[in-house]
PDB file of N, CA and C in Angstrom:
ATOM      1  N   MET A   1      -3.706  51.734 -32.925  1.00  0.00           N
ATOM      2  CA  MET A   1      -4.789  52.676 -32.735  1.00  0.00           C
ATOM      3  C   MET A   1      -4.207  53.944 -32.118  1.00  0.00           C
ATOM      4  N   THR A   2      -4.568  55.047 -32.674  1.00  0.00           N
ATOM      5  CA  THR A   2      -4.167  56.316 -32.086  1.00  0.00           C
ATOM      6  C   THR A   2      -5.415  56.994 -31.548  1.00  0.00           C
ATOM      7  N   CYS A   3      -5.397  57.256 -30.263  1.00  0.00           N
ATOM      8  CA  CYS A   3      -6.553  57.863 -29.611  1.00  0.00           C
ATOM      9  C   CYS A   3      -6.377  59.363 -29.542  1.00  0.00           C
ATOM     10  N   PRO A   4      -7.484  60.085 -29.404  1.00  0.00           N
ATOM     11  CA  PRO A   4      -7.388  61.537 -29.233  1.00  0.00           C
ATOM     12  C   PRO A   4      -6.535  61.873 -28.020  1.00  0.00           C
ATOM     13  N   THR A   5      -5.894  62.997 -28.093  1.00  0.00           N
ATOM     14  CA  THR A   5      -5.065  63.451 -26.986  1.00  0.00           C
ATOM     15  C   THR A   5      -5.915  63.689 -25.753  1.00  0.00           C
ATOM     16  N   SER A   6      -5.445  63.162 -24.638  1.00  0.00           N
ATOM     17  CA  SER A   6      -6.135  63.350 -23.363  1.00  0.00           C
ATOM     18  C   SER A   6      -5.832  64.727 -22.815  1.00  0.00           C
ATOM     19  N   THR A   7      -6.745  65.225 -21.985  1.00  0.00           N
ATOM     20  CA  THR A   7      -6.520  66.529 -21.357  1.00  0.00           C
ATOM     21  C   THR A   7      -5.821  66.389 -20.017  1.00  0.00           C
ATOM     22  N   SER A   8      -5.507  65.140 -19.619  1.00  0.00           N
ATOM     23  CA  SER A   8      -4.853  64.946 -18.329  1.00  0.00           C
ATOM     24  C   SER A   8      -3.458  64.368 -18.516  1.00  0.00           C
ATOM     25  N   ASN A   9      -2.668  64.485 -17.480  1.00  0.00           N
ATOM     26  CA  ASN A   9      -1.306  63.985 -17.483  1.00  0.00           C
ATOM     27  C   ASN A   9      -1.329  62.494 -17.177  1.00  0.00           C
ATOM     28  N   ILE A  10      -0.658  61.702 -17.995  1.00  0.00           N
ATOM     29  CA  ILE A  10      -0.642  60.245 -17.809  1.00  0.00           C
ATOM     30  C   ILE A  10       0.059  59.834 -16.521  1.00  0.00           C
ATOM     31  N   ASN A  11       0.847  60.724 -15.931  1.00  0.00           N
ATOM     32  CA  ASN A  11       1.587  60.400 -14.711  1.00  0.00           C
ATOM     33  C   ASN A  11       0.828  60.755 -13.437  1.00  0.00           C
ATOM     34  N   THR A  12      -0.386  61.271 -13.554  1.00  0.00           N
ATOM     35  CA  THR A  12      -1.181  61.593 -12.374  1.00  0.00           C
ATOM     36  C   THR A  12      -2.282  60.551 -12.219  1.00  0.00           C
ATOM     37  N   VAL A  13      -2.871  60.497 -11.053  1.00  0.00           N
ATOM     38  CA  VAL A  13      -3.968  59.557 -10.823  1.00  0.00           C
ATOM     39  C   VAL A  13      -5.276  60.334 -10.677  1.00  0.00           C
ATOM     40  N   MET A  14      -6.371  59.665 -10.965  1.00  0.00           N
ATOM     41  CA  MET A  14      -7.697  60.267 -10.886  1.00  0.00           C
ATOM     42  C   MET A  14      -8.437  59.685  -9.696  1.00  0.00           C
ATOM     43  N   THR A  15      -9.187  60.518  -8.998  1.00  0.00           N
ATOM     44  CA  THR A  15     -10.039  60.036  -7.914  1.00  0.00           C
ATOM     45  C   THR A  15     -11.422  59.722  -8.481  1.00  0.00           C
ATOM     46  N   TYR A  16     -12.203  58.953  -7.730  1.00  0.00           N
ATOM     47  CA  TYR A  16     -13.576  58.688  -8.154  1.00  0.00           C
ATOM     48  C   TYR A  16     -14.398  59.965  -8.164  1.00  0.00           C
ATOM     49  N   LYS A  17     -14.077  60.902  -7.288  1.00  0.00           N
ATOM     50  CA  LYS A  17     -14.776  62.189  -7.283  1.00  0.00           C
ATOM     51  C   LYS A  17     -14.537  62.926  -8.600  1.00  0.00           C
ATOM     52  N   GLN A  18     -13.296  62.926  -9.068  1.00  0.00           N
ATOM     53  CA  GLN A  18     -12.984  63.577 -10.341  1.00  0.00           C
ATOM     54  C   GLN A  18     -13.678  62.865 -11.501  1.00  0.00           C
ATOM     55  N   LEU A  19     -13.695  61.533 -11.456  1.00  0.00           N
ATOM     56  CA  LEU A  19     -14.382  60.764 -12.495  1.00  0.00           C
ATOM     57  C   LEU A  19     -15.868  61.085 -12.500  1.00  0.00           C
ATOM     58  N   LEU A  20     -16.480  61.145 -11.336  1.00  0.00           N
ATOM     59  CA  LEU A  20     -17.900  61.469 -11.238  1.00  0.00           C
ATOM     60  C   LEU A  20     -18.189  62.846 -11.828  1.00  0.00           C
ATOM     61  N   GLU A  21     -17.338  63.813 -11.530  1.00  0.00           N
ATOM     62  CA  GLU A  21     -17.527  65.164 -12.078  1.00  0.00           C
ATOM     63  C   GLU A  21     -17.497  65.140 -13.599  1.00  0.00           C
ATOM     64  N   GLN A  22     -16.608  64.353 -14.183  1.00  0.00           N
ATOM     65  CA  GLN A  22     -16.548  64.262 -15.644  1.00  0.00           C
ATOM     66  C   GLN A  22     -17.747  63.510 -16.203  1.00  0.00           C
ATOM     67  N   LEU A  23     -18.175  62.454 -15.525  1.00  0.00           N
ATOM     68  CA  LEU A  23     -19.345  61.699 -15.976  1.00  0.00           C
ATOM     69  C   LEU A  23     -20.605  62.555 -15.948  1.00  0.00           C
ATOM     70  N   GLN A  24     -20.721  63.428 -14.956  1.00  0.00           N
ATOM     71  CA  GLN A  24     -21.898  64.285 -14.837  1.00  0.00           C
ATOM     72  C   GLN A  24     -21.982  65.304 -15.972  1.00  0.00           C
ATOM     73  N   GLN A  25     -20.891  65.501 -16.698  1.00  0.00           N
ATOM     74  CA  GLN A  25     -20.893  66.432 -17.820  1.00  0.00           C
ATOM     75  C   GLN A  25     -21.283  65.756 -19.137  1.00  0.00           C
ATOM     76  N   LEU A  26     -21.392  64.432 -19.134  1.00  0.00           N
ATOM     77  CA  LEU A  26     -21.749  63.708 -20.351  1.00  0.00           C
ATOM     78  C   LEU A  26     -23.240  63.822 -20.635  1.00  0.00           C
ATOM     79  N   SER A  27     -23.563  63.732 -21.914  1.00  0.00           N
ATOM     80  CA  SER A  27     -24.969  63.734 -22.310  1.00  0.00           C
ATOM     81  C   SER A  27     -25.593  62.395 -21.941  1.00  0.00           C
ATOM     82  N   PRO A  28     -26.928  62.341 -21.836  1.00  0.00           N
ATOM     83  CA  PRO A  28     -27.588  61.059 -21.542  1.00  0.00           C
ATOM     84  C   PRO A  28     -27.236  59.980 -22.573  1.00  0.00           C
ATOM     85  N   GLU A  29     -27.057  60.373 -23.819  1.00  0.00           N
ATOM     86  CA  GLU A  29     -26.695  59.406 -24.855  1.00  0.00           C
ATOM     87  C   GLU A  29     -25.315  58.812 -24.593  1.00  0.00           C
ATOM     88  N   ARG A  30     -24.342  59.629 -24.193  1.00  0.00           N
ATOM     89  CA  ARG A  30     -22.977  59.150 -23.924  1.00  0.00           C
ATOM     90  C   ARG A  30     -22.954  58.256 -22.689  1.00  0.00           C
ATOM     91  N   LEU A  31     -23.858  58.478 -21.757  1.00  0.00           N
ATOM     92  CA  LEU A  31     -23.925  57.642 -20.561  1.00  0.00           C
ATOM     93  C   LEU A  31     -24.391  56.224 -20.874  1.00  0.00           C
ATOM     94  N   GLU A  32     -24.930  56.009 -22.062  1.00  0.00           N
ATOM     95  CA  GLU A  32     -25.335  54.671 -22.505  1.00  0.00           C
ATOM     96  C   GLU A  32     -24.176  53.915 -23.146  1.00  0.00           C
ATOM     97  N   ASP A  33     -23.036  54.562 -23.386  1.00  0.00           N
ATOM     98  CA  ASP A  33     -21.868  53.917 -23.993  1.00  0.00           C
ATOM     99  C   ASP A  33     -21.294  52.850 -23.059  1.00  0.00           C
ATOM    100  N   THR A  34     -20.588  51.889 -23.634  1.00  0.00           N
ATOM    101  CA  THR A  34     -19.852  50.897 -22.857  1.00  0.00           C
ATOM    102  C   THR A  34     -18.723  51.604 -22.114  1.00  0.00           C
ATOM    103  N   VAL A  35     -18.559  51.295 -20.829  1.00  0.00           N
ATOM    104  CA  VAL A  35     -17.444  51.851 -20.062  1.00  0.00           C
ATOM    105  C   VAL A  35     -16.167  51.245 -20.637  1.00  0.00           C
ATOM    106  N   THR A  36     -15.227  52.099 -21.009  1.00  0.00           N
ATOM    107  CA  THR A  36     -14.010  51.664 -21.695  1.00  0.00           C
ATOM    108  C   THR A  36     -12.797  52.349 -21.103  1.00  0.00           C
ATOM    109  N   VAL A  37     -11.704  51.600 -21.002  1.00  0.00           N
ATOM    110  CA  VAL A  37     -10.444  52.121 -20.484  1.00  0.00           C
ATOM    111  C   VAL A  37      -9.413  52.058 -21.600  1.00  0.00           C
ATOM    112  N   HIS A  38      -8.615  53.119 -21.734  1.00  0.00           N
ATOM    113  CA  HIS A  38      -7.523  53.112 -22.712  1.00  0.00           C
ATOM    114  C   HIS A  38      -6.229  52.752 -21.999  1.00  0.00           C
ATOM    115  N   ASP A  39      -5.544  51.734 -22.505  1.00  0.00           N
ATOM    116  CA  ASP A  39      -4.228  51.350 -21.996  1.00  0.00           C
ATOM    117  C   ASP A  39      -3.188  51.993 -22.915  1.00  0.00           C
ATOM    118  N   PRO A  40      -2.564  53.096 -22.475  1.00  0.00           N
ATOM    119  CA  PRO A  40      -1.628  53.799 -23.352  1.00  0.00           C
ATOM    120  C   PRO A  40      -0.353  53.006 -23.619  1.00  0.00           C
ATOM    121  N   TYR A  41      -0.013  52.059 -22.768  1.00  0.00           N
ATOM    122  CA  TYR A  41       1.199  51.267 -22.956  1.00  0.00           C
ATOM    123  C   TYR A  41       1.023  50.234 -24.063  1.00  0.00           C
ATOM    124  N   GLN A  42      -0.185  49.671 -24.174  1.00  0.00           N
ATOM    125  CA  GLN A  42      -0.496  48.722 -25.240  1.00  0.00           C
ATOM    126  C   GLN A  42      -1.244  49.391 -26.391  1.00  0.00           C
ATOM    127  N   ASP A  43      -1.616  50.655 -26.198  1.00  0.00           N
ATOM    128  CA  ASP A  43      -2.405  51.423 -27.164  1.00  0.00           C
ATOM    129  C   ASP A  43      -3.652  50.651 -27.587  1.00  0.00           C
ATOM    130  N   GLU A  44      -4.410  50.204 -26.583  1.00  0.00           N
ATOM    131  CA  GLU A  44      -5.649  49.495 -26.873  1.00  0.00           C
ATOM    132  C   GLU A  44      -6.759  49.938 -25.928  1.00  0.00           C
ATOM    133  N   MET A  45      -7.989  49.763 -26.389  1.00  0.00           N
ATOM    134  CA  MET A  45      -9.177  50.059 -25.604  1.00  0.00           C
ATOM    135  C   MET A  45      -9.683  48.760 -25.009  1.00  0.00           C
ATOM    136  N   ILE A  46     -10.049  48.794 -23.714  1.00  0.00           N
ATOM    137  CA  ILE A  46     -10.516  47.595 -23.016  1.00  0.00           C
ATOM    138  C   ILE A  46     -11.841  47.913 -22.331  1.00  0.00           C
ATOM    139  N   ALA A  47     -12.838  47.076 -22.559  1.00  0.00           N
ATOM    140  CA  ALA A  47     -14.150  47.271 -21.946  1.00  0.00           C
ATOM    141  C   ALA A  47     -14.118  46.879 -20.474  1.00  0.00           C
ATOM    142  N   VAL A  48     -14.880  47.604 -19.674  1.00  0.00           N
ATOM    143  CA  VAL A  48     -15.072  47.253 -18.266  1.00  0.00           C
ATOM    144  C   VAL A  48     -16.282  46.324 -18.214  1.00  0.00           C
ATOM    145  N   VAL A  49     -16.122  45.166 -17.561  1.00  0.00           N
ATOM    146  CA  VAL A  49     -17.217  44.195 -17.536  1.00  0.00           C
ATOM    147  C   VAL A  49     -18.033  44.240 -16.252  1.00  0.00           C
ATOM    148  N   HIS A  50     -17.408  44.660 -15.154  1.00  0.00           N
ATOM    149  CA  HIS A  50     -18.154  44.847 -13.911  1.00  0.00           C
ATOM    150  C   HIS A  50     -17.264  45.561 -12.909  1.00  0.00           C
ATOM    151  N   THR A  51     -17.782  45.734 -11.707  1.00  0.00           N
ATOM    152  CA  THR A  51     -17.028  46.405 -10.650  1.00  0.00           C
ATOM    153  C   THR A  51     -16.899  45.471  -9.456  1.00  0.00           C
ATOM    154  N   GLY A  52     -16.012  45.832  -8.568  1.00  0.00           N
ATOM    155  CA  GLY A  52     -15.829  45.045  -7.360  1.00  0.00           C
ATOM    156  C   GLY A  52     -15.465  45.945  -6.198  1.00  0.00           C
ATOM    157  N   THR A  53     -15.479  45.376  -5.023  1.00  0.00           N
ATOM    158  CA  THR A  53     -15.053  46.073  -3.810  1.00  0.00           C
ATOM    159  C   THR A  53     -14.086  45.155  -3.085  1.00  0.00           C
ATOM    160  N   ALA A  54     -12.907  45.678  -2.772  1.00  0.00           N
ATOM    161  CA  ALA A  54     -11.871  44.868  -2.132  1.00  0.00           C
ATOM    162  C   ALA A  54     -12.313  44.415  -0.747  1.00  0.00           C
ATOM    163  N   GLU A  55     -12.072  43.164  -0.482  1.00  0.00           N
ATOM    164  CA  GLU A  55     -12.323  42.595   0.839  1.00  0.00           C
ATOM    165  C   GLU A  55     -11.011  42.632   1.625  1.00  0.00           C
ATOM    166  N   GLU A  56     -11.079  42.340   2.892  1.00  0.00           N
ATOM    167  CA  GLU A  56      -9.889  42.408   3.750  1.00  0.00           C
ATOM    168  C   GLU A  56      -8.738  41.554   3.251  1.00  0.00           C
ATOM    169  N   ASP A  57      -9.025  40.363   2.739  1.00  0.00           N
ATOM    170  CA  ASP A  57      -7.959  39.442   2.354  1.00  0.00           C
ATOM    171  C   ASP A  57      -7.751  39.355   0.845  1.00  0.00           C
ATOM    172  N   ASP A  58      -8.336  40.288   0.072  1.00  0.00           N
ATOM    173  CA  ASP A  58      -8.229  40.218  -1.388  1.00  0.00           C
ATOM    174  C   ASP A  58      -6.800  40.370  -1.897  1.00  0.00           C
ATOM    175  N   CYS A  59      -6.144  41.417  -1.448  1.00  0.00           N
ATOM    176  CA  CYS A  59      -4.807  41.682  -1.962  1.00  0.00           C
ATOM    177  C   CYS A  59      -4.074  42.652  -1.048  1.00  0.00           C
ATOM    178  N   ASP A  60      -2.802  42.827  -1.347  1.00  0.00           N
ATOM    179  CA  ASP A  60      -1.986  43.729  -0.546  1.00  0.00           C
ATOM    180  C   ASP A  60      -1.990  45.148  -1.087  1.00  0.00           C
ATOM    181  N   VAL A  61      -2.647  45.367  -2.215  1.00  0.00           N
ATOM    182  CA  VAL A  61      -2.576  46.666  -2.889  1.00  0.00           C
ATOM    183  C   VAL A  61      -3.702  47.613  -2.480  1.00  0.00           C
ATOM    184  N   LEU A  62      -4.912  47.078  -2.323  1.00  0.00           N
ATOM    185  CA  LEU A  62      -6.075  47.922  -2.030  1.00  0.00           C
ATOM    186  C   LEU A  62      -6.506  47.784  -0.576  1.00  0.00           C
ATOM    187  N   ASP A  63      -6.987  48.883  -0.032  1.00  0.00           N
ATOM    188  CA  ASP A  63      -7.571  48.849   1.302  1.00  0.00           C
ATOM    189  C   ASP A  63      -8.939  48.178   1.240  1.00  0.00           C
ATOM    190  N   PRO A  64      -9.374  47.523   2.311  1.00  0.00           N
ATOM    191  CA  PRO A  64     -10.718  46.952   2.335  1.00  0.00           C
ATOM    192  C   PRO A  64     -11.760  48.028   2.028  1.00  0.00           C
ATOM    193  N   GLY A  65     -12.732  47.669   1.187  1.00  0.00           N
ATOM    194  CA  GLY A  65     -13.783  48.604   0.808  1.00  0.00           C
ATOM    195  C   GLY A  65     -13.471  49.427  -0.427  1.00  0.00           C
ATOM    196  N   HIS A  66     -12.223  49.325  -0.951  1.00  0.00           N
ATOM    197  CA  HIS A  66     -11.837  50.099  -2.130  1.00  0.00           C
ATOM    198  C   HIS A  66     -12.598  49.580  -3.349  1.00  0.00           C
ATOM    199  N   PHE A  67     -13.303  50.464  -4.026  1.00  0.00           N
ATOM    200  CA  PHE A  67     -14.070  50.147  -5.241  1.00  0.00           C
ATOM    201  C   PHE A  67     -13.113  50.052  -6.416  1.00  0.00           C
ATOM    202  N   TYR A  68     -13.324  49.081  -7.323  1.00  0.00           N
ATOM    203  CA  TYR A  68     -12.474  48.970  -8.510  1.00  0.00           C
ATOM    204  C   TYR A  68     -13.257  48.484  -9.717  1.00  0.00           C
ATOM    205  N   LEU A  69     -12.689  48.716 -10.887  1.00  0.00           N
ATOM    206  CA  LEU A  69     -13.261  48.287 -12.162  1.00  0.00           C
ATOM    207  C   LEU A  69     -12.579  47.007 -12.615  1.00  0.00           C
ATOM    208  N   VAL A  70     -13.342  46.091 -13.206  1.00  0.00           N
ATOM    209  CA  VAL A  70     -12.794  44.845 -13.723  1.00  0.00           C
ATOM    210  C   VAL A  70     -12.841  44.920 -15.245  1.00  0.00           C
ATOM    211  N   LEU A  71     -11.673  44.712 -15.861  1.00  0.00           N
ATOM    212  CA  LEU A  71     -11.560  44.819 -17.318  1.00  0.00           C
ATOM    213  C   LEU A  71     -11.822  43.485 -17.989  1.00  0.00           C
ATOM    214  N   LYS A  72     -12.315  43.553 -19.238  1.00  0.00           N
ATOM    215  CA  LYS A  72     -12.547  42.353 -20.029  1.00  0.00           C
ATOM    216  C   LYS A  72     -11.193  41.734 -20.365  1.00  0.00           C
ATOM    217  N   ALA A  73     -11.075  40.438 -20.155  1.00  0.00           N
ATOM    218  CA  ALA A  73      -9.798  39.751 -20.407  1.00  0.00           C
ATOM    219  C   ALA A  73      -9.568  39.559 -21.892  1.00  0.00           C
TER     220      ALA A  73
END
C-alpha cells in the first residue's frame, strides 16, 4: 500500500495538542471515520480500538497518567 505523502517529518513526534488542532480542522463527516494509524515501516494501516491511561506500575516507558491509543492486533 502506498499512502499519500505526509506533511510532517517521520522523525519528529506529535503532541496531543498538535493532534487536537488537526482534528479540529476536519469536517463533521471525517470525524465519523475510524481512527487509523499508518505504520510506515510495515506500510500498513491499523485501526485504533480504544484508548488507555498509564497507571503507575504499567510500564517503564510512560509516566503515570499518560494517555495512549491501543491498536487493533
